[in-house]
PDB file of all heavy atoms in Angstrom:
ATOM      1  N   LEU A   1       8.414 -55.270 218.788  1.00  0.00           N
ATOM      2  CA  LEU A   1       8.818 -56.588 218.297  1.00  0.00           C
ATOM      3  C   LEU A   1      10.152 -56.521 217.572  1.00  0.00           C
ATOM      4  O   LEU A   1      10.984 -57.441 217.691  1.00  0.00           O
ATOM      5  CB  LEU A   1       7.733 -57.154 217.378  1.00  0.00           C
ATOM      6  CG  LEU A   1       6.360 -57.388 218.020  1.00  0.00           C
ATOM      7  CD1 LEU A   1       5.390 -57.928 216.989  1.00  0.00           C
ATOM      8  CD2 LEU A   1       6.454 -58.329 219.216  1.00  0.00           C
ATOM      9  N   ARG A   2      10.401 -55.459 216.832  1.00  0.00           N
ATOM     10  CA  ARG A   2      11.699 -55.302 216.174  1.00  0.00           C
ATOM     11  C   ARG A   2      12.825 -55.243 217.199  1.00  0.00           C
ATOM     12  O   ARG A   2      13.885 -55.855 217.026  1.00  0.00           O
ATOM     13  CB  ARG A   2      11.713 -54.011 215.339  1.00  0.00           C
ATOM     14  CG  ARG A   2      11.121 -54.122 213.954  1.00  0.00           C
ATOM     15  CD  ARG A   2      11.215 -52.778 213.249  1.00  0.00           C
ATOM     16  NE  ARG A   2      10.762 -52.842 211.865  1.00  0.00           N
ATOM     17  CZ  ARG A   2      10.705 -51.784 211.054  1.00  0.00           C
ATOM     18  NH1 ARG A   2      11.066 -50.580 211.510  1.00  0.00           N
ATOM     19  NH2 ARG A   2      10.292 -51.922 209.807  1.00  0.00           N
ATOM     20  N   PHE A   3      12.568 -54.495 218.287  1.00  0.00           N
ATOM     21  CA  PHE A   3      13.603 -54.409 219.315  1.00  0.00           C
ATOM     22  C   PHE A   3      13.936 -55.790 219.879  1.00  0.00           C
ATOM     23  O   PHE A   3      15.111 -56.178 219.972  1.00  0.00           O
ATOM     24  CB  PHE A   3      13.170 -53.486 220.462  1.00  0.00           C
ATOM     25  CG  PHE A   3      14.049 -53.648 221.669  1.00  0.00           C
ATOM     26  CD1 PHE A   3      15.312 -53.079 221.689  1.00  0.00           C
ATOM     27  CD2 PHE A   3      13.647 -54.432 222.745  1.00  0.00           C
ATOM     28  CE1 PHE A   3      16.161 -53.275 222.771  1.00  0.00           C
ATOM     29  CE2 PHE A   3      14.479 -54.629 223.830  1.00  0.00           C
ATOM     30  CZ  PHE A   3      15.743 -54.046 223.838  1.00  0.00           C
ATOM     31  N   PHE A   4      12.914 -56.551 220.254  1.00  0.00           N
ATOM     32  CA  PHE A   4      13.180 -57.852 220.881  1.00  0.00           C
ATOM     33  C   PHE A   4      13.791 -58.845 219.887  1.00  0.00           C
ATOM     34  O   PHE A   4      14.603 -59.689 220.273  1.00  0.00           O
ATOM     35  CB  PHE A   4      11.898 -58.405 221.513  1.00  0.00           C
ATOM     36  CG  PHE A   4      11.622 -57.820 222.870  1.00  0.00           C
ATOM     37  CD1 PHE A   4      10.737 -56.759 223.018  1.00  0.00           C
ATOM     38  CD2 PHE A   4      12.267 -58.302 223.994  1.00  0.00           C
ATOM     39  CE1 PHE A   4      10.496 -56.196 224.259  1.00  0.00           C
ATOM     40  CE2 PHE A   4      12.030 -57.757 225.247  1.00  0.00           C
ATOM     41  CZ  PHE A   4      11.148 -56.695 225.382  1.00  0.00           C
ATOM     42  N   TRP A   5      13.423 -58.751 218.630  1.00  0.00           N
ATOM     43  CA  TRP A   5      14.001 -59.673 217.657  1.00  0.00           C
ATOM     44  C   TRP A   5      15.475 -59.350 217.400  1.00  0.00           C
ATOM     45  O   TRP A   5      16.305 -60.259 217.275  1.00  0.00           O
ATOM     46  CB  TRP A   5      13.222 -59.637 216.350  1.00  0.00           C
ATOM     47  CG  TRP A   5      13.850 -60.521 215.303  1.00  0.00           C
ATOM     48  CD1 TRP A   5      14.476 -60.133 214.152  1.00  0.00           C
ATOM     49  CD2 TRP A   5      13.950 -61.952 215.353  1.00  0.00           C
ATOM     50  NE1 TRP A   5      14.947 -61.230 213.468  1.00  0.00           N
ATOM     51  CE2 TRP A   5      14.638 -62.360 214.184  1.00  0.00           C
ATOM     52  CE3 TRP A   5      13.514 -62.919 216.248  1.00  0.00           C
ATOM     53  CZ2 TRP A   5      14.906 -63.694 213.908  1.00  0.00           C
ATOM     54  CZ3 TRP A   5      13.773 -64.256 215.981  1.00  0.00           C
ATOM     55  CH2 TRP A   5      14.473 -64.633 214.822  1.00  0.00           C
ATOM     56  N   ASN A   6      15.821 -58.094 217.376  1.00  0.00           N
ATOM     57  CA  ASN A   6      17.186 -57.686 217.037  1.00  0.00           C
ATOM     58  C   ASN A   6      18.102 -57.528 218.248  1.00  0.00           C
ATOM     59  O   ASN A   6      19.319 -57.404 218.094  1.00  0.00           O
ATOM     60  CB  ASN A   6      17.159 -56.371 216.255  1.00  0.00           C
ATOM     61  CG  ASN A   6      16.501 -56.515 214.894  1.00  0.00           C
ATOM     62  OD1 ASN A   6      16.753 -57.475 214.175  1.00  0.00           O
ATOM     63  ND2 ASN A   6      15.639 -55.570 214.542  1.00  0.00           N
ATOM     64  N   ALA A   7      17.550 -57.522 219.446  1.00  0.00           N
ATOM     65  CA  ALA A   7      18.357 -57.340 220.658  1.00  0.00           C
ATOM     66  C   ALA A   7      19.330 -58.507 220.828  1.00  0.00           C
ATOM     67  O   ALA A   7      19.027 -59.646 220.442  1.00  0.00           O
ATOM     68  CB  ALA A   7      17.452 -57.220 221.875  1.00  0.00           C
ATOM     69  N   PRO A   8      20.501 -58.242 221.411  1.00  0.00           N
ATOM     70  CA  PRO A   8      21.532 -59.292 221.522  1.00  0.00           C
ATOM     71  C   PRO A   8      21.120 -60.457 222.417  1.00  0.00           C
ATOM     72  O   PRO A   8      20.622 -60.257 223.519  1.00  0.00           O
ATOM     73  CB  PRO A   8      22.738 -58.551 222.102  1.00  0.00           C
ATOM     74  CG  PRO A   8      22.171 -57.328 222.752  1.00  0.00           C
ATOM     75  CD  PRO A   8      20.977 -56.957 221.947  1.00  0.00           C
ATOM     76  N   GLN A   9      21.331 -61.661 221.900  1.00  0.00           N
ATOM     77  CA  GLN A   9      21.076 -62.905 222.631  1.00  0.00           C
ATOM     78  C   GLN A   9      22.415 -63.626 222.806  1.00  0.00           C
ATOM     79  O   GLN A   9      23.020 -64.059 221.827  1.00  0.00           O
ATOM     80  CB  GLN A   9      20.094 -63.787 221.858  1.00  0.00           C
ATOM     81  CG  GLN A   9      18.679 -63.267 221.801  1.00  0.00           C
ATOM     82  CD  GLN A   9      17.733 -64.028 222.720  1.00  0.00           C
ATOM     83  OE1 GLN A   9      17.898 -65.221 222.955  1.00  0.00           O
ATOM     84  NE2 GLN A   9      16.771 -63.327 223.271  1.00  0.00           N
ATOM     85  N   SER A  10      22.882 -63.752 224.044  1.00  0.00           N
ATOM     86  CA  SER A  10      24.145 -64.439 224.284  1.00  0.00           C
ATOM     87  C   SER A  10      24.275 -64.766 225.764  1.00  0.00           C
ATOM     88  O   SER A  10      23.449 -64.367 226.587  1.00  0.00           O
ATOM     89  CB  SER A  10      25.333 -63.570 223.849  1.00  0.00           C
ATOM     90  OG  SER A  10      25.604 -62.569 224.811  1.00  0.00           O
ATOM     91  N   GLU A  11      25.351 -65.466 226.106  1.00  0.00           N
ATOM     92  CA  GLU A  11      25.642 -65.804 227.496  1.00  0.00           C
ATOM     93  C   GLU A  11      26.349 -64.682 228.237  1.00  0.00           C
ATOM     94  O   GLU A  11      26.635 -64.807 229.425  1.00  0.00           O
ATOM     95  CB  GLU A  11      26.518 -67.060 227.557  1.00  0.00           C
ATOM     96  CG  GLU A  11      25.850 -68.315 227.040  1.00  0.00           C
ATOM     97  CD  GLU A  11      26.766 -69.514 227.113  1.00  0.00           C
ATOM     98  OE1 GLU A  11      27.524 -69.731 226.155  1.00  0.00           O
ATOM     99  OE2 GLU A  11      26.725 -70.230 228.137  1.00  0.00           O
ATOM    100  N   HIS A  12      26.636 -63.587 227.561  1.00  0.00           N
ATOM    101  CA  HIS A  12      27.352 -62.482 228.194  1.00  0.00           C
ATOM    102  C   HIS A  12      26.528 -61.956 229.374  1.00  0.00           C
ATOM    103  O   HIS A  12      25.320 -61.722 229.241  1.00  0.00           O
ATOM    104  CB  HIS A  12      27.611 -61.368 227.188  1.00  0.00           C
ATOM    105  CG  HIS A  12      28.628 -60.383 227.649  1.00  0.00           C
ATOM    106  ND1 HIS A  12      28.347 -59.399 228.575  1.00  0.00           N
ATOM    107  CD2 HIS A  12      29.952 -60.231 227.336  1.00  0.00           C
ATOM    108  CE1 HIS A  12      29.431 -58.677 228.806  1.00  0.00           C
ATOM    109  NE2 HIS A  12      30.420 -59.169 228.056  1.00  0.00           N
ATOM    110  N   PRO A  13      27.131 -61.730 230.526  1.00  0.00           N
ATOM    111  CA  PRO A  13      26.374 -61.345 231.723  1.00  0.00           C
ATOM    112  C   PRO A  13      25.789 -59.942 231.710  1.00  0.00           C
ATOM    113  O   PRO A  13      24.886 -59.656 232.493  1.00  0.00           O
ATOM    114  CB  PRO A  13      27.401 -61.491 232.851  1.00  0.00           C
ATOM    115  CG  PRO A  13      28.727 -61.338 232.184  1.00  0.00           C
ATOM    116  CD  PRO A  13      28.555 -61.959 230.824  1.00  0.00           C
ATOM    117  N   SER A  14      26.282 -59.061 230.849  1.00  0.00           N
ATOM    118  CA  SER A  14      25.761 -57.696 230.876  1.00  0.00           C
ATOM    119  C   SER A  14      25.460 -57.104 229.499  1.00  0.00           C
ATOM    120  O   SER A  14      24.713 -56.135 229.399  1.00  0.00           O
ATOM    121  CB  SER A  14      26.757 -56.769 231.593  1.00  0.00           C
ATOM    122  OG  SER A  14      28.012 -56.760 230.922  1.00  0.00           O
ATOM    123  N   ALA A  15      26.003 -57.683 228.445  1.00  0.00           N
ATOM    124  CA  ALA A  15      25.828 -57.127 227.106  1.00  0.00           C
ATOM    125  C   ALA A  15      24.783 -57.880 226.302  1.00  0.00           C
ATOM    126  O   ALA A  15      24.876 -57.990 225.088  1.00  0.00           O
ATOM    127  CB  ALA A  15      27.160 -57.120 226.359  1.00  0.00           C
ATOM    128  N   ALA A  16      23.769 -58.409 226.971  1.00  0.00           N
ATOM    129  CA  ALA A  16      22.727 -59.190 226.296  1.00  0.00           C
ATOM    130  C   ALA A  16      21.355 -58.818 226.843  1.00  0.00           C
ATOM    131  O   ALA A  16      21.210 -58.333 227.965  1.00  0.00           O
ATOM    132  CB  ALA A  16      22.977 -60.676 226.464  1.00  0.00           C
ATOM    133  N   THR A  17      20.351 -59.052 226.030  1.00  0.00           N
ATOM    134  CA  THR A  17      18.945 -58.867 226.413  1.00  0.00           C
ATOM    135  C   THR A  17      18.304 -60.205 226.765  1.00  0.00           C
ATOM    136  O   THR A  17      17.341 -60.267 227.520  1.00  0.00           O
ATOM    137  CB  THR A  17      18.176 -58.198 225.259  1.00  0.00           C
ATOM    138  OG1 THR A  17      18.738 -56.903 225.052  1.00  0.00           O
ATOM    139  CG2 THR A  17      16.709 -58.050 225.556  1.00  0.00           C
ATOM    140  N   GLY A  18      18.872 -61.277 226.203  1.00  0.00           N
ATOM    141  CA  GLY A  18      18.348 -62.602 226.475  1.00  0.00           C
ATOM    142  C   GLY A  18      19.275 -63.668 225.955  1.00  0.00           C
ATOM    143  O   GLY A  18      20.410 -63.396 225.531  1.00  0.00           O
ATOM    144  N   TYR A  19      18.783 -64.909 225.987  1.00  0.00           N
ATOM    145  CA  TYR A  19      19.585 -66.056 225.563  1.00  0.00           C
ATOM    146  C   TYR A  19      18.650 -67.200 225.206  1.00  0.00           C
ATOM    147  O   TYR A  19      17.656 -67.446 225.897  1.00  0.00           O
ATOM    148  CB  TYR A  19      20.535 -66.458 226.696  1.00  0.00           C
ATOM    149  CG  TYR A  19      21.458 -67.609 226.388  1.00  0.00           C
ATOM    150  CD1 TYR A  19      22.236 -67.640 225.228  1.00  0.00           C
ATOM    151  CD2 TYR A  19      21.585 -68.679 227.281  1.00  0.00           C
ATOM    152  CE1 TYR A  19      23.103 -68.691 224.959  1.00  0.00           C
ATOM    153  CE2 TYR A  19      22.448 -69.734 227.032  1.00  0.00           C
ATOM    154  CZ  TYR A  19      23.202 -69.737 225.866  1.00  0.00           C
ATOM    155  OH  TYR A  19      24.062 -70.786 225.598  1.00  0.00           O
ATOM    156  N   ARG A  20      18.946 -67.864 224.101  1.00  0.00           N
ATOM    157  CA  ARG A  20      18.159 -69.010 223.615  1.00  0.00           C
ATOM    158  C   ARG A  20      16.670 -68.680 223.460  1.00  0.00           C
ATOM    159  O   ARG A  20      15.804 -69.517 223.701  1.00  0.00           O
ATOM    160  CB  ARG A  20      18.353 -70.226 224.520  1.00  0.00           C
ATOM    161  CG  ARG A  20      19.746 -70.842 224.394  1.00  0.00           C
ATOM    162  CD  ARG A  20      19.862 -72.099 225.230  1.00  0.00           C
ATOM    163  NE  ARG A  20      21.152 -72.743 225.049  1.00  0.00           N
ATOM    164  CZ  ARG A  20      21.386 -73.783 224.245  1.00  0.00           C
ATOM    165  NH1 ARG A  20      20.400 -74.294 223.531  1.00  0.00           N
ATOM    166  NH2 ARG A  20      22.586 -74.317 224.157  1.00  0.00           N
ATOM    167  N   GLY A  21      16.401 -67.462 223.079  1.00  0.00           N
ATOM    168  CA  GLY A  21      15.023 -67.051 222.845  1.00  0.00           C
ATOM    169  C   GLY A  21      14.313 -66.506 224.062  1.00  0.00           C
ATOM    170  O   GLY A  21      13.258 -65.874 223.937  1.00  0.00           O
ATOM    171  N   PHE A  22      14.863 -66.742 225.250  1.00  0.00           N
ATOM    172  CA  PHE A  22      14.300 -66.194 226.488  1.00  0.00           C
ATOM    173  C   PHE A  22      14.868 -64.802 226.725  1.00  0.00           C
ATOM    174  O   PHE A  22      15.884 -64.420 226.139  1.00  0.00           O
ATOM    175  CB  PHE A  22      14.633 -67.099 227.679  1.00  0.00           C
ATOM    176  CG  PHE A  22      13.954 -68.440 227.645  1.00  0.00           C
ATOM    177  CD1 PHE A  22      14.584 -69.534 227.057  1.00  0.00           C
ATOM    178  CD2 PHE A  22      12.695 -68.615 228.191  1.00  0.00           C
ATOM    179  CE1 PHE A  22      13.970 -70.779 227.019  1.00  0.00           C
ATOM    180  CE2 PHE A  22      12.067 -69.845 228.160  1.00  0.00           C
ATOM    181  CZ  PHE A  22      12.701 -70.933 227.565  1.00  0.00           C
ATOM    182  N   PHE A  23      14.227 -64.060 227.625  1.00  0.00           N
ATOM    183  CA  PHE A  23      14.671 -62.703 227.916  1.00  0.00           C
ATOM    184  C   PHE A  23      14.827 -62.508 229.421  1.00  0.00           C
ATOM    185  O   PHE A  23      14.162 -63.179 230.229  1.00  0.00           O
ATOM    186  CB  PHE A  23      13.682 -61.677 227.360  1.00  0.00           C
ATOM    187  CG  PHE A  23      13.610 -61.682 225.860  1.00  0.00           C
ATOM    188  CD1 PHE A  23      12.625 -62.411 225.199  1.00  0.00           C
ATOM    189  CD2 PHE A  23      14.546 -60.991 225.096  1.00  0.00           C
ATOM    190  CE1 PHE A  23      12.560 -62.432 223.819  1.00  0.00           C
ATOM    191  CE2 PHE A  23      14.492 -61.009 223.716  1.00  0.00           C
ATOM    192  CZ  PHE A  23      13.508 -61.735 223.075  1.00  0.00           C
ATOM    193  N   TYR A  24      15.700 -61.574 229.773  1.00  0.00           N
ATOM    194  CA  TYR A  24      15.871 -61.254 231.189  1.00  0.00           C
ATOM    195  C   TYR A  24      14.630 -60.567 231.731  1.00  0.00           C
ATOM    196  O   TYR A  24      13.956 -59.798 231.037  1.00  0.00           O
ATOM    197  CB  TYR A  24      17.106 -60.366 231.382  1.00  0.00           C
ATOM    198  CG  TYR A  24      18.395 -61.129 231.239  1.00  0.00           C
ATOM    199  CD1 TYR A  24      19.193 -60.983 230.110  1.00  0.00           C
ATOM    200  CD2 TYR A  24      18.797 -62.033 232.222  1.00  0.00           C
ATOM    201  CE1 TYR A  24      20.374 -61.706 229.971  1.00  0.00           C
ATOM    202  CE2 TYR A  24      19.973 -62.763 232.098  1.00  0.00           C
ATOM    203  CZ  TYR A  24      20.756 -62.593 230.970  1.00  0.00           C
ATOM    204  OH  TYR A  24      21.912 -63.322 230.836  1.00  0.00           O
ATOM    205  N   HIS A  25      14.351 -60.854 232.977  1.00  0.00           N
ATOM    206  CA  HIS A  25      13.165 -60.337 233.663  1.00  0.00           C
ATOM    207  C   HIS A  25      13.097 -58.814 233.584  1.00  0.00           C
ATOM    208  O   HIS A  25      12.057 -58.235 233.266  1.00  0.00           O
ATOM    209  CB  HIS A  25      13.214 -60.800 235.126  1.00  0.00           C
ATOM    210  CG  HIS A  25      11.968 -60.565 235.889  1.00  0.00           C
ATOM    211  ND1 HIS A  25      11.708 -61.158 237.097  1.00  0.00           N
ATOM    212  CD2 HIS A  25      10.883 -59.788 235.642  1.00  0.00           C
ATOM    213  CE1 HIS A  25      10.538 -60.769 237.556  1.00  0.00           C
ATOM    214  NE2 HIS A  25      10.011 -59.934 236.689  1.00  0.00           N
ATOM    215  N   PHE A  26      14.216 -58.141 233.860  1.00  0.00           N
ATOM    216  CA  PHE A  26      14.262 -56.684 233.846  1.00  0.00           C
ATOM    217  C   PHE A  26      15.346 -56.200 232.887  1.00  0.00           C
ATOM    218  O   PHE A  26      16.460 -56.732 232.874  1.00  0.00           O
ATOM    219  CB  PHE A  26      14.523 -56.124 235.246  1.00  0.00           C
ATOM    220  CG  PHE A  26      13.450 -56.455 236.244  1.00  0.00           C
ATOM    221  CD1 PHE A  26      13.687 -57.367 237.259  1.00  0.00           C
ATOM    222  CD2 PHE A  26      12.198 -55.864 236.162  1.00  0.00           C
ATOM    223  CE1 PHE A  26      12.703 -57.683 238.184  1.00  0.00           C
ATOM    224  CE2 PHE A  26      11.198 -56.169 237.082  1.00  0.00           C
ATOM    225  CZ  PHE A  26      11.452 -57.087 238.098  1.00  0.00           C
ATOM    226  N   LEU A  27      15.001 -55.179 232.112  1.00  0.00           N
ATOM    227  CA  LEU A  27      15.912 -54.611 231.127  1.00  0.00           C
ATOM    228  C   LEU A  27      16.054 -53.112 231.367  1.00  0.00           C
ATOM    229  O   LEU A  27      15.099 -52.448 231.807  1.00  0.00           O
ATOM    230  CB  LEU A  27      15.384 -54.840 229.704  1.00  0.00           C
ATOM    231  CG  LEU A  27      15.083 -56.288 229.304  1.00  0.00           C
ATOM    232  CD1 LEU A  27      14.449 -56.312 227.915  1.00  0.00           C
ATOM    233  CD2 LEU A  27      16.340 -57.141 229.336  1.00  0.00           C
ATOM    234  N   ASP A  28      17.228 -52.593 231.043  1.00  0.00           N
ATOM    235  CA  ASP A  28      17.432 -51.155 231.112  1.00  0.00           C
ATOM    236  C   ASP A  28      16.471 -50.472 230.135  1.00  0.00           C
ATOM    237  O   ASP A  28      16.364 -50.871 228.971  1.00  0.00           O
ATOM    238  CB  ASP A  28      18.883 -50.817 230.757  1.00  0.00           C
ATOM    239  CG  ASP A  28      19.187 -49.342 230.868  1.00  0.00           C
ATOM    240  OD1 ASP A  28      18.866 -48.601 229.911  1.00  0.00           O
ATOM    241  OD2 ASP A  28      19.738 -48.920 231.905  1.00  0.00           O
ATOM    242  N   MET A  29      15.772 -49.444 230.593  1.00  0.00           N
ATOM    243  CA  MET A  29      14.746 -48.808 229.774  1.00  0.00           C
ATOM    244  C   MET A  29      15.300 -48.206 228.491  1.00  0.00           C
ATOM    245  O   MET A  29      14.598 -48.130 227.482  1.00  0.00           O
ATOM    246  CB  MET A  29      14.035 -47.714 230.578  1.00  0.00           C
ATOM    247  CG  MET A  29      12.967 -48.220 231.527  1.00  0.00           C
ATOM    248  SD  MET A  29      11.495 -48.879 230.686  1.00  0.00           S
ATOM    249  CE  MET A  29      10.848 -47.403 229.894  1.00  0.00           C
ATOM    250  N   LYS A  30      16.558 -47.772 228.492  1.00  0.00           N
ATOM    251  CA  LYS A  30      17.127 -47.126 227.314  1.00  0.00           C
ATOM    252  C   LYS A  30      17.901 -48.096 226.436  1.00  0.00           C
ATOM    253  O   LYS A  30      17.685 -48.171 225.221  1.00  0.00           O
ATOM    254  CB  LYS A  30      18.016 -45.958 227.744  1.00  0.00           C
ATOM    255  CG  LYS A  30      17.255 -44.818 228.392  1.00  0.00           C
ATOM    256  CD  LYS A  30      18.185 -43.675 228.765  1.00  0.00           C
ATOM    257  CE  LYS A  30      17.409 -42.516 229.399  1.00  0.00           C
ATOM    258  NZ  LYS A  30      18.315 -41.400 229.792  1.00  0.00           N
ATOM    259  N   THR A  31      18.808 -48.858 227.040  1.00  0.00           N
ATOM    260  CA  THR A  31      19.656 -49.752 226.238  1.00  0.00           C
ATOM    261  C   THR A  31      18.981 -51.073 225.933  1.00  0.00           C
ATOM    262  O   THR A  31      19.311 -51.739 224.956  1.00  0.00           O
ATOM    263  CB  THR A  31      20.974 -50.041 226.964  1.00  0.00           C
ATOM    264  OG1 THR A  31      20.710 -50.822 228.156  1.00  0.00           O
ATOM    265  CG2 THR A  31      21.671 -48.752 227.361  1.00  0.00           C
ATOM    266  N   GLY A  32      18.037 -51.491 226.789  1.00  0.00           N
ATOM    267  CA  GLY A  32      17.388 -52.784 226.614  1.00  0.00           C
ATOM    268  C   GLY A  32      18.238 -53.956 227.048  1.00  0.00           C
ATOM    269  O   GLY A  32      17.848 -55.117 226.854  1.00  0.00           O
ATOM    270  N   LEU A  33      19.369 -53.696 227.692  1.00  0.00           N
ATOM    271  CA  LEU A  33      20.241 -54.776 228.162  1.00  0.00           C
ATOM    272  C   LEU A  33      19.848 -55.210 229.576  1.00  0.00           C
ATOM    273  O   LEU A  33      19.122 -54.499 230.278  1.00  0.00           O
ATOM    274  CB  LEU A  33      21.698 -54.321 228.140  1.00  0.00           C
ATOM    275  CG  LEU A  33      22.258 -53.925 226.769  1.00  0.00           C
ATOM    276  CD1 LEU A  33      23.686 -53.419 226.899  1.00  0.00           C
ATOM    277  CD2 LEU A  33      22.179 -55.101 225.799  1.00  0.00           C
ATOM    278  N   ARG A  34      20.326 -56.382 229.964  1.00  0.00           N
ATOM    279  CA  ARG A  34      20.043 -56.935 231.281  1.00  0.00           C
ATOM    280  C   ARG A  34      20.286 -55.892 232.372  1.00  0.00           C
ATOM    281  O   ARG A  34      21.315 -55.222 232.393  1.00  0.00           O
ATOM    282  CB  ARG A  34      20.940 -58.147 231.531  1.00  0.00           C
ATOM    283  CG  ARG A  34      20.732 -58.842 232.869  1.00  0.00           C
ATOM    284  CD  ARG A  34      21.857 -59.822 233.146  1.00  0.00           C
ATOM    285  NE  ARG A  34      21.602 -60.667 234.308  1.00  0.00           N
ATOM    286  CZ  ARG A  34      22.527 -61.418 234.908  1.00  0.00           C
ATOM    287  NH1 ARG A  34      23.777 -61.417 234.443  1.00  0.00           N
ATOM    288  NH2 ARG A  34      22.217 -62.152 235.963  1.00  0.00           N
ATOM    289  N   GLN A  35      19.322 -55.810 233.303  1.00  0.00           N
ATOM    290  CA  GLN A  35      19.470 -54.883 234.413  1.00  0.00           C
ATOM    291  C   GLN A  35      19.969 -55.637 235.643  1.00  0.00           C
ATOM    292  O   GLN A  35      19.339 -56.588 236.108  1.00  0.00           O
ATOM    293  CB  GLN A  35      18.150 -54.191 234.741  1.00  0.00           C
ATOM    294  CG  GLN A  35      18.277 -53.130 235.824  1.00  0.00           C
ATOM    295  CD  GLN A  35      16.975 -52.418 236.068  1.00  0.00           C
ATOM    296  OE1 GLN A  35      15.989 -53.027 236.474  1.00  0.00           O
ATOM    297  NE2 GLN A  35      16.942 -51.121 235.820  1.00  0.00           N
ATOM    298  N   GLY A  36      21.108 -55.208 236.144  1.00  0.00           N
ATOM    299  CA  GLY A  36      21.659 -55.824 237.345  1.00  0.00           C
ATOM    300  C   GLY A  36      21.958 -57.295 237.159  1.00  0.00           C
ATOM    301  O   GLY A  36      22.452 -57.717 236.111  1.00  0.00           O
TER     302      GLY A  36
END
């Protein structure tokens, strides 16, 4: 939960985990950023 709360939320296409409280379907296992 700490990871998801602190992970970057933005419109950036690759340097974010989610946006507006939603999250990308797949995340890099290590960085937690959007995968592909």
